[in-house]
């Protein structure tokens, strides 16, 4: 997931009603267990966002070959969480 992917992920999870902190948690899971481990989770994100997250993780798992790649995936998830938080905050501000 590149920078453009982080933006798309933020918009997707926002539209699916997923809280930004779920992306942060998923990023920590990727850091702890790796991208392949996270891709195999039955529900990487809660609710309807699970299918989208699994798709992102499965695609990333095809190219990630080492812990540095896992760190990159986790950083992109963190970036998506920050962007999702900004979208959520902007919409909540009158």
PDB file of N, CA and C in Angstrom:
ATOM      1  N   UNK A   1       0.862  -1.161   0.000  1.00  0.00           N
ATOM      2  CA  UNK A   1       0.000   0.000   0.000  1.00  0.00           C
ATOM      3  C   UNK A   1       0.908   1.224   0.000  1.00  0.00           C
ATOM      4  N   UNK A   2       0.885   1.974  -1.086  1.00  0.00           N
ATOM      5  CA  UNK A   2       1.684   3.189  -1.167  1.00  0.00           C
ATOM      6  C   UNK A   2       0.960   4.359  -0.534  1.00  0.00           C
ATOM      7  N   UNK A   3       1.497   5.555  -0.757  1.00  0.00           N
ATOM      8  CA  UNK A   3       0.884   6.755  -0.184  1.00  0.00           C
ATOM      9  C   UNK A   3      -0.534   6.943  -0.703  1.00  0.00           C
ATOM     10  N   UNK A   4      -0.728   6.725  -1.996  1.00  0.00           N
ATOM     11  CA  UNK A   4      -2.080   6.821  -2.545  1.00  0.00           C
ATOM     12  C   UNK A   4      -2.982   5.767  -1.918  1.00  0.00           C
ATOM     13  N   UNK A   5      -2.414   4.601  -1.652  1.00  0.00           N
ATOM     14  CA  UNK A   5      -3.176   3.538  -1.003  1.00  0.00           C
ATOM     15  C   UNK A   5      -3.596   3.906   0.397  1.00  0.00           C
ATOM     16  N   UNK A   6      -2.747   4.648   1.101  1.00  0.00           N
ATOM     17  CA  UNK A   6      -3.095   5.087   2.459  1.00  0.00           C
ATOM     18  C   UNK A   6      -4.294   6.021   2.414  1.00  0.00           C
ATOM     19  N   UNK A   7      -4.339   6.897   1.431  1.00  0.00           N
ATOM     20  CA  UNK A   7      -5.483   7.803   1.287  1.00  0.00           C
ATOM     21  C   UNK A   7      -6.744   6.995   0.990  1.00  0.00           C
ATOM     22  N   UNK A   8      -6.641   6.071   0.045  1.00  0.00           N
ATOM     23  CA  UNK A   8      -7.797   5.241  -0.300  1.00  0.00           C
ATOM     24  C   UNK A   8      -8.256   4.405   0.891  1.00  0.00           C
ATOM     25  N   UNK A   9      -7.303   3.876   1.648  1.00  0.00           N
ATOM     26  CA  UNK A   9      -7.650   3.081   2.826  1.00  0.00           C
ATOM     27  C   UNK A   9      -8.377   3.933   3.856  1.00  0.00           C
ATOM     28  N   UNK A  10      -7.897   5.157   4.065  1.00  0.00           N
ATOM     29  CA  UNK A  10      -8.542   6.048   5.031  1.00  0.00           C
ATOM     30  C   UNK A  10      -9.977   6.346   4.630  1.00  0.00           C
ATOM     31  N   UNK A  11     -10.184   6.624   3.363  1.00  0.00           N
ATOM     32  CA  UNK A  11     -11.541   6.916   2.885  1.00  0.00           C
ATOM     33  C   UNK A  11     -12.421   5.679   3.000  1.00  0.00           C
ATOM     34  N   UNK A  12     -11.870   4.527   2.642  1.00  0.00           N
ATOM     35  CA  UNK A  12     -12.638   3.283   2.703  1.00  0.00           C
ATOM     36  C   UNK A  12     -13.088   2.965   4.120  1.00  0.00           C
ATOM     37  N   UNK A  13     -12.150   2.994   5.068  1.00  0.00           N
ATOM     38  CA  UNK A  13     -12.535   2.637   6.439  1.00  0.00           C
ATOM     39  C   UNK A  13     -13.483   3.668   7.030  1.00  0.00           C
ATOM     40  N   UNK A  14     -13.313   4.935   6.650  1.00  0.00           N
ATOM     41  CA  UNK A  14     -14.247   5.955   7.133  1.00  0.00           C
ATOM     42  C   UNK A  14     -15.652   5.677   6.621  1.00  0.00           C
ATOM     43  N   UNK A  15     -15.772   5.364   5.354  1.00  0.00           N
ATOM     44  CA  UNK A  15     -17.094   5.087   4.765  1.00  0.00           C
ATOM     45  C   UNK A  15     -17.723   3.820   5.345  1.00  0.00           C
ATOM     46  N   UNK A  16     -16.880   2.879   5.784  1.00  0.00           N
ATOM     47  CA  UNK A  16     -17.392   1.638   6.371  1.00  0.00           C
ATOM     48  C   UNK A  16     -17.622   1.769   7.874  1.00  0.00           C
ATOM     49  N   UNK A  17     -17.350   2.951   8.415  1.00  0.00           N
ATOM     50  CA  UNK A  17     -17.614   3.200   9.824  1.00  0.00           C
ATOM     51  C   UNK A  17     -16.593   2.627  10.788  1.00  0.00           C
ATOM     52  N   UNK A  18     -15.409   2.321  10.291  1.00  0.00           N
ATOM     53  CA  UNK A  18     -14.350   1.771  11.141  1.00  0.00           C
ATOM     54  C   UNK A  18     -13.592   2.914  11.803  1.00  0.00           C
ATOM     55  N   UNK A  19     -13.333   2.789  13.079  1.00  0.00           N
ATOM     56  CA  UNK A  19     -12.593   3.817  13.798  1.00  0.00           C
ATOM     57  C   UNK A  19     -11.120   3.804  13.392  1.00  0.00           C
ATOM     58  N   UNK A  20     -10.497   4.975  13.291  1.00  0.00           N
ATOM     59  CA  UNK A  20      -9.082   5.035  12.914  1.00  0.00           C
ATOM     60  C   UNK A  20      -8.182   4.196  13.812  1.00  0.00           C
ATOM     61  N   UNK A  21      -8.522   4.070  15.088  1.00  0.00           N
ATOM     62  CA  UNK A  21      -7.661   3.306  15.993  1.00  0.00           C
ATOM     63  C   UNK A  21      -7.575   1.832  15.602  1.00  0.00           C
ATOM     64  N   UNK A  22      -8.566   1.334  14.851  1.00  0.00           N
ATOM     65  CA  UNK A  22      -8.501  -0.051  14.375  1.00  0.00           C
ATOM     66  C   UNK A  22      -7.350  -0.216  13.374  1.00  0.00           C
ATOM     67  N   UNK A  23      -7.118   0.799  12.542  1.00  0.00           N
ATOM     68  CA  UNK A  23      -5.985   0.756  11.620  1.00  0.00           C
ATOM     69  C   UNK A  23      -4.662   0.783  12.381  1.00  0.00           C
ATOM     70  N   UNK A  24      -4.618   1.583  13.443  1.00  0.00           N
ATOM     71  CA  UNK A  24      -3.416   1.635  14.269  1.00  0.00           C
ATOM     72  C   UNK A  24      -3.141   0.274  14.885  1.00  0.00           C
ATOM     73  N   UNK A  25      -4.177  -0.359  15.397  1.00  0.00           N
ATOM     74  CA  UNK A  25      -4.034  -1.687  15.988  1.00  0.00           C
ATOM     75  C   UNK A  25      -3.563  -2.693  14.939  1.00  0.00           C
ATOM     76  N   UNK A  26      -4.113  -2.604  13.743  1.00  0.00           N
ATOM     77  CA  UNK A  26      -3.696  -3.513  12.668  1.00  0.00           C
ATOM     78  C   UNK A  26      -2.228  -3.282  12.318  1.00  0.00           C
ATOM     79  N   UNK A  27      -1.802  -2.025  12.303  1.00  0.00           N
ATOM     80  CA  UNK A  27      -0.390  -1.731  12.057  1.00  0.00           C
ATOM     81  C   UNK A  27       0.509  -2.365  13.113  1.00  0.00           C
ATOM     82  N   UNK A  28       0.084  -2.310  14.368  1.00  0.00           N
ATOM     83  CA  UNK A  28       0.858  -2.937  15.451  1.00  0.00           C
ATOM     84  C   UNK A  28       0.879  -4.460  15.289  1.00  0.00           C
ATOM     85  N   UNK A  29      -0.220  -5.017  14.816  1.00  0.00           N
ATOM     86  CA  UNK A  29      -0.277  -6.456  14.569  1.00  0.00           C
ATOM     87  C   UNK A  29       0.702  -6.847  13.469  1.00  0.00           C
ATOM     88  N   UNK A  30       0.775  -6.037  12.420  1.00  0.00           N
ATOM     89  CA  UNK A  30       1.728  -6.290  11.337  1.00  0.00           C
ATOM     90  C   UNK A  30       3.158  -6.202  11.870  1.00  0.00           C
ATOM     91  N   UNK A  31       3.430  -5.214  12.707  1.00  0.00           N
ATOM     92  CA  UNK A  31       4.769  -5.090  13.281  1.00  0.00           C
ATOM     93  C   UNK A  31       5.129  -6.308  14.129  1.00  0.00           C
ATOM     94  N   UNK A  32       4.169  -6.794  14.896  1.00  0.00           N
ATOM     95  CA  UNK A  32       4.433  -7.911  15.818  1.00  0.00           C
ATOM     96  C   UNK A  32       4.505  -9.263  15.111  1.00  0.00           C
ATOM     97  N   UNK A  33       3.605  -9.497  14.163  1.00  0.00           N
ATOM     98  CA  UNK A  33       3.529 -10.828  13.569  1.00  0.00           C
ATOM     99  C   UNK A  33       3.876 -10.904  12.101  1.00  0.00           C
ATOM    100  N   UNK A  34       3.938  -9.770  11.433  1.00  0.00           N
ATOM    101  CA  UNK A  34       4.238  -9.753  10.009  1.00  0.00           C
ATOM    102  C   UNK A  34       2.982  -9.603   9.157  1.00  0.00           C
ATOM    103  N   UNK A  35       3.215  -9.243   7.922  1.00  0.00           N
ATOM    104  CA  UNK A  35       2.116  -9.003   6.987  1.00  0.00           C
ATOM    105  C   UNK A  35       1.348 -10.289   6.698  1.00  0.00           C
ATOM    106  N   UNK A  36       2.056 -11.390   6.492  1.00  0.00           N
ATOM    107  CA  UNK A  36       1.385 -12.660   6.192  1.00  0.00           C
ATOM    108  C   UNK A  36       0.509 -13.113   7.355  1.00  0.00           C
ATOM    109  N   UNK A  37       1.013 -12.945   8.570  1.00  0.00           N
ATOM    110  CA  UNK A  37       0.230 -13.296   9.753  1.00  0.00           C
ATOM    111  C   UNK A  37      -1.055 -12.472   9.798  1.00  0.00           C
ATOM    112  N   UNK A  38      -0.926 -11.159   9.594  1.00  0.00           N
ATOM    113  CA  UNK A  38      -2.097 -10.281   9.650  1.00  0.00           C
ATOM    114  C   UNK A  38      -3.090 -10.604   8.536  1.00  0.00           C
ATOM    115  N   UNK A  39      -2.570 -10.973   7.356  1.00  0.00           N
ATOM    116  CA  UNK A  39      -3.446 -11.310   6.238  1.00  0.00           C
ATOM    117  C   UNK A  39      -4.267 -12.575   6.523  1.00  0.00           C
ATOM    118  N   UNK A  40      -3.749 -13.446   7.375  1.00  0.00           N
ATOM    119  CA  UNK A  40      -4.447 -14.696   7.695  1.00  0.00           C
ATOM    120  C   UNK A  40      -5.473 -14.542   8.824  1.00  0.00           C
ATOM    121  N   UNK A  41      -5.532 -13.366   9.431  1.00  0.00           N
ATOM    122  CA  UNK A  41      -6.504 -13.162  10.508  1.00  0.00           C
ATOM    123  C   UNK A  41      -7.924 -13.251   9.963  1.00  0.00           C
ATOM    124  N   UNK A  42      -8.848 -13.841  10.724  1.00  0.00           N
ATOM    125  CA  UNK A  42     -10.224 -13.941  10.236  1.00  0.00           C
ATOM    126  C   UNK A  42     -10.909 -12.581  10.119  1.00  0.00           C
ATOM    127  N   UNK A  43     -10.507 -11.622  10.949  1.00  0.00           N
ATOM    128  CA  UNK A  43     -11.106 -10.289  10.899  1.00  0.00           C
ATOM    129  C   UNK A  43     -10.030  -9.246  11.219  1.00  0.00           C
ATOM    130  N   UNK A  44      -9.216  -8.877  10.200  1.00  0.00           N
ATOM    131  CA  UNK A  44      -8.128  -7.934  10.455  1.00  0.00           C
ATOM    132  C   UNK A  44      -8.622  -6.555  10.899  1.00  0.00           C
ATOM    133  N   UNK A  45      -9.777  -6.149  10.435  1.00  0.00           N
ATOM    134  CA  UNK A  45     -10.476  -4.956  10.906  1.00  0.00           C
ATOM    135  C   UNK A  45     -11.902  -5.376  11.244  1.00  0.00           C
ATOM    136  N   UNK A  46     -12.549  -4.655  12.141  1.00  0.00           N
ATOM    137  CA  UNK A  46     -13.895  -5.059  12.524  1.00  0.00           C
ATOM    138  C   UNK A  46     -14.939  -4.798  11.434  1.00  0.00           C
ATOM    139  N   UNK A  47     -15.952  -5.641  11.439  1.00  0.00           N
ATOM    140  CA  UNK A  47     -17.109  -5.441  10.572  1.00  0.00           C
ATOM    141  C   UNK A  47     -16.818  -5.535   9.095  1.00  0.00           C
ATOM    142  N   UNK A  48     -17.513  -4.698   8.318  1.00  0.00           N
ATOM    143  CA  UNK A  48     -17.402  -4.786   6.864  1.00  0.00           C
ATOM    144  C   UNK A  48     -16.030  -4.397   6.320  1.00  0.00           C
ATOM    145  N   UNK A  49     -15.208  -3.728   7.108  1.00  0.00           N
ATOM    146  CA  UNK A  49     -13.870  -3.348   6.647  1.00  0.00           C
ATOM    147  C   UNK A  49     -12.913  -4.536   6.634  1.00  0.00           C
ATOM    148  N   UNK A  50     -13.314  -5.656   7.225  1.00  0.00           N
ATOM    149  CA  UNK A  50     -12.447  -6.836   7.288  1.00  0.00           C
ATOM    150  C   UNK A  50     -12.061  -7.322   5.891  1.00  0.00           C
ATOM    151  N   UNK A  51     -13.014  -7.384   4.993  1.00  0.00           N
ATOM    152  CA  UNK A  51     -12.733  -7.882   3.644  1.00  0.00           C
ATOM    153  C   UNK A  51     -11.764  -6.953   2.909  1.00  0.00           C
ATOM    154  N   UNK A  52     -11.952  -5.660   3.052  1.00  0.00           N
ATOM    155  CA  UNK A  52     -11.050  -4.708   2.401  1.00  0.00           C
ATOM    156  C   UNK A  52      -9.638  -4.851   2.962  1.00  0.00           C
ATOM    157  N   UNK A  53      -9.523  -4.910   4.275  1.00  0.00           N
ATOM    158  CA  UNK A  53      -8.204  -5.026   4.910  1.00  0.00           C
ATOM    159  C   UNK A  53      -7.522  -6.327   4.519  1.00  0.00           C
ATOM    160  N   UNK A  54      -8.279  -7.408   4.448  1.00  0.00           N
ATOM    161  CA  UNK A  54      -7.683  -8.684   4.058  1.00  0.00           C
ATOM    162  C   UNK A  54      -7.124  -8.594   2.643  1.00  0.00           C
ATOM    163  N   UNK A  55      -7.855  -7.934   1.766  1.00  0.00           N
ATOM    164  CA  UNK A  55      -7.371  -7.749   0.395  1.00  0.00           C
ATOM    165  C   UNK A  55      -6.072  -6.954   0.341  1.00  0.00           C
ATOM    166  N   UNK A  56      -6.003  -5.862   1.119  1.00  0.00           N
ATOM    167  CA  UNK A  56      -4.774  -5.059   1.156  1.00  0.00           C
ATOM    168  C   UNK A  56      -3.613  -5.900   1.673  1.00  0.00           C
ATOM    169  N   UNK A  57      -3.872  -6.623   2.754  1.00  0.00           N
ATOM    170  CA  UNK A  57      -2.804  -7.402   3.386  1.00  0.00           C
ATOM    171  C   UNK A  57      -2.354  -8.564   2.507  1.00  0.00           C
ATOM    172  N   UNK A  58      -3.294  -9.228   1.854  1.00  0.00           N
ATOM    173  CA  UNK A  58      -2.927 -10.336   0.968  1.00  0.00           C
ATOM    174  C   UNK A  58      -2.089  -9.834  -0.209  1.00  0.00           C
ATOM    175  N   UNK A  59      -2.451  -8.674  -0.746  1.00  0.00           N
ATOM    176  CA  UNK A  59      -1.668  -8.100  -1.848  1.00  0.00           C
ATOM    177  C   UNK A  59      -0.270  -7.731  -1.367  1.00  0.00           C
ATOM    178  N   UNK A  60      -0.195  -7.116  -0.185  1.00  0.00           N
ATOM    179  CA  UNK A  60       1.118  -6.744   0.359  1.00  0.00           C
ATOM    180  C   UNK A  60       1.955  -7.973   0.670  1.00  0.00           C
ATOM    181  N   UNK A  61       1.315  -9.026   1.166  1.00  0.00           N
ATOM    182  CA  UNK A  61       2.041 -10.244   1.540  1.00  0.00           C
ATOM    183  C   UNK A  61       2.710 -10.902   0.329  1.00  0.00           C
ATOM    184  N   UNK A  62       2.176 -10.653  -0.859  1.00  0.00           N
ATOM    185  CA  UNK A  62       2.782 -11.229  -2.067  1.00  0.00           C
ATOM    186  C   UNK A  62       4.131 -10.600  -2.395  1.00  0.00           C
ATOM    187  N   UNK A  63       4.367  -9.377  -1.917  1.00  0.00           N
ATOM    188  CA  UNK A  63       5.622  -8.706  -2.263  1.00  0.00           C
ATOM    189  C   UNK A  63       6.550  -8.487  -1.070  1.00  0.00           C
ATOM    190  N   UNK A  64       6.004  -8.494   0.137  1.00  0.00           N
ATOM    191  CA  UNK A  64       6.830  -8.301   1.329  1.00  0.00           C
ATOM    192  C   UNK A  64       7.680  -9.548   1.545  1.00  0.00           C
ATOM    193  N   UNK A  65       9.002  -9.338   1.691  1.00  0.00           N
ATOM    194  CA  UNK A  65       9.890 -10.482   1.827  1.00  0.00           C
ATOM    195  C   UNK A  65      10.717 -10.476   3.104  1.00  0.00           C
ATOM    196  N   UNK A  66      10.608  -9.408   3.894  1.00  0.00           N
ATOM    197  CA  UNK A  66      11.432  -9.329   5.100  1.00  0.00           C
ATOM    198  C   UNK A  66      10.794  -8.374   6.111  1.00  0.00           C
ATOM    199  N   UNK A  67      11.348  -8.298   7.304  1.00  0.00           N
ATOM    200  CA  UNK A  67      10.781  -7.405   8.324  1.00  0.00           C
ATOM    201  C   UNK A  67      10.739  -5.934   7.901  1.00  0.00           C
ATOM    202  N   UNK A  68      11.660  -5.516   7.056  1.00  0.00           N
ATOM    203  CA  UNK A  68      11.626  -4.128   6.575  1.00  0.00           C
ATOM    204  C   UNK A  68      10.353  -3.881   5.761  1.00  0.00           C
ATOM    205  N   UNK A  69       9.949  -4.859   4.979  1.00  0.00           N
ATOM    206  CA  UNK A  69       8.699  -4.750   4.230  1.00  0.00           C
ATOM    207  C   UNK A  69       7.494  -4.711   5.146  1.00  0.00           C
ATOM    208  N   UNK A  70       7.538  -5.527   6.204  1.00  0.00           N
ATOM    209  CA  UNK A  70       6.455  -5.495   7.189  1.00  0.00           C
ATOM    210  C   UNK A  70       6.357  -4.115   7.837  1.00  0.00           C
ATOM    211  N   UNK A  71       7.514  -3.513   8.119  1.00  0.00           N
ATOM    212  CA  UNK A  71       7.525  -2.176   8.723  1.00  0.00           C
ATOM    213  C   UNK A  71       6.915  -1.148   7.772  1.00  0.00           C
ATOM    214  N   UNK A  72       7.181  -1.280   6.497  1.00  0.00           N
ATOM    215  CA  UNK A  72       6.610  -0.360   5.521  1.00  0.00           C
ATOM    216  C   UNK A  72       5.092  -0.501   5.483  1.00  0.00           C
ATOM    217  N   UNK A  73       4.602  -1.728   5.478  1.00  0.00           N
ATOM    218  CA  UNK A  73       3.154  -1.953   5.495  1.00  0.00           C
ATOM    219  C   UNK A  73       2.548  -1.333   6.756  1.00  0.00           C
ATOM    220  N   UNK A  74       3.185  -1.540   7.892  1.00  0.00           N
ATOM    221  CA  UNK A  74       2.684  -0.985   9.153  1.00  0.00           C
ATOM    222  C   UNK A  74       2.674   0.543   9.109  1.00  0.00           C
ATOM    223  N   UNK A  75       3.699   1.143   8.530  1.00  0.00           N
ATOM    224  CA  UNK A  75       3.735   2.613   8.430  1.00  0.00           C
ATOM    225  C   UNK A  75       2.622   3.130   7.531  1.00  0.00           C
ATOM    226  N   UNK A  76       2.321   2.403   6.477  1.00  0.00           N
ATOM    227  CA  UNK A  76       1.219   2.824   5.592  1.00  0.00           C
ATOM    228  C   UNK A  76      -0.116   2.723   6.322  1.00  0.00           C
ATOM    229  N   UNK A  77      -0.280   1.693   7.137  1.00  0.00           N
ATOM    230  CA  UNK A  77      -1.504   1.584   7.936  1.00  0.00           C
ATOM    231  C   UNK A  77      -1.585   2.725   8.947  1.00  0.00           C
ATOM    232  N   UNK A  78      -0.456   3.093   9.540  1.00  0.00           N
ATOM    233  CA  UNK A  78      -0.428   4.235  10.458  1.00  0.00           C
ATOM    234  C   UNK A  78      -0.811   5.520   9.728  1.00  0.00           C
ATOM    235  N   UNK A  79      -0.294   5.699   8.520  1.00  0.00           N
ATOM    236  CA  UNK A  79      -0.621   6.892   7.732  1.00  0.00           C
ATOM    237  C   UNK A  79      -2.114   6.926   7.419  1.00  0.00           C
ATOM    238  N   UNK A  80      -2.669   5.769   7.079  1.00  0.00           N
ATOM    239  CA  UNK A  80      -4.103   5.697   6.801  1.00  0.00           C
ATOM    240  C   UNK A  80      -4.901   6.039   8.047  1.00  0.00           C
ATOM    241  N   UNK A  81      -4.430   5.607   9.213  1.00  0.00           N
ATOM    242  CA  UNK A  81      -5.128   5.917  10.470  1.00  0.00           C
ATOM    243  C   UNK A  81      -5.132   7.412  10.729  1.00  0.00           C
ATOM    244  N   UNK A  82      -4.005   8.063  10.486  1.00  0.00           N
ATOM    245  CA  UNK A  82      -3.929   9.518  10.687  1.00  0.00           C
ATOM    246  C   UNK A  82      -4.866  10.231   9.724  1.00  0.00           C
ATOM    247  N   UNK A  83      -4.867   9.817   8.472  1.00  0.00           N
ATOM    248  CA  UNK A  83      -5.755  10.428   7.493  1.00  0.00           C
ATOM    249  C   UNK A  83      -7.220  10.184   7.842  1.00  0.00           C
ATOM    250  N   UNK A  84      -7.545   8.978   8.285  1.00  0.00           N
ATOM    251  CA  UNK A  84      -8.926   8.667   8.676  1.00  0.00           C
ATOM    252  C   UNK A  84      -9.342   9.513   9.874  1.00  0.00           C
ATOM    253  N   UNK A  85      -8.428   9.722  10.791  1.00  0.00           N
ATOM    254  CA  UNK A  85      -8.722  10.565  11.950  1.00  0.00           C
ATOM    255  C   UNK A  85      -9.002  11.993  11.505  1.00  0.00           C
ATOM    256  N   UNK A  86      -8.240  12.482  10.548  1.00  0.00           N
ATOM    257  CA  UNK A  86      -8.479  13.836  10.037  1.00  0.00           C
ATOM    258  C   UNK A  86      -9.839  13.938   9.370  1.00  0.00           C
ATOM    259  N   UNK A  87     -10.224  12.918   8.595  1.00  0.00           N
ATOM    260  CA  UNK A  87     -11.536  12.916   7.943  1.00  0.00           C
ATOM    261  C   UNK A  87     -12.629  12.913   9.003  1.00  0.00           C
ATOM    262  N   UNK A  88     -12.492  12.060  10.008  1.00  0.00           N
ATOM    263  CA  UNK A  88     -13.482  11.960  11.076  1.00  0.00           C
ATOM    264  C   UNK A  88     -13.587  13.275  11.829  1.00  0.00           C
ATOM    265  N   UNK A  89     -12.455  13.876  12.148  1.00  0.00           N
ATOM    266  CA  UNK A  89     -12.448  15.139  12.886  1.00  0.00           C
ATOM    267  C   UNK A  89     -13.044  16.262  12.050  1.00  0.00           C
ATOM    268  N   UNK A  90     -12.688  16.329  10.784  1.00  0.00           N
ATOM    269  CA  UNK A  90     -13.199  17.379   9.900  1.00  0.00           C
ATOM    270  C   UNK A  90     -14.719  17.299   9.786  1.00  0.00           C
ATOM    271  N   UNK A  91     -15.239  16.091   9.667  1.00  0.00           N
ATOM    272  CA  UNK A  91     -16.682  15.930   9.544  1.00  0.00           C
ATOM    273  C   UNK A  91     -17.411  16.263  10.847  1.00  0.00           C
ATOM    274  N   UNK A  92     -16.741  16.093  11.978  1.00  0.00           N
ATOM    275  CA  UNK A  92     -17.365  16.365  13.266  1.00  0.00           C
ATOM    276  C   UNK A  92     -17.345  17.845  13.621  1.00  0.00           C
ATOM    277  N   UNK A  93     -16.475  18.617  12.958  1.00  0.00           N
ATOM    278  CA  UNK A  93     -16.360  20.050  13.239  1.00  0.00           C
ATOM    279  C   UNK A  93     -17.424  20.809  12.458  1.00  0.00           C
ATOM    280  N   UNK A  94     -18.219  21.603  13.161  1.00  0.00           N
ATOM    281  CA  UNK A  94     -19.298  22.351  12.462  1.00  0.00           C
ATOM    282  C   UNK A  94     -18.786  23.436  11.552  1.00  0.00           C
TER     283      UNK A  94
END
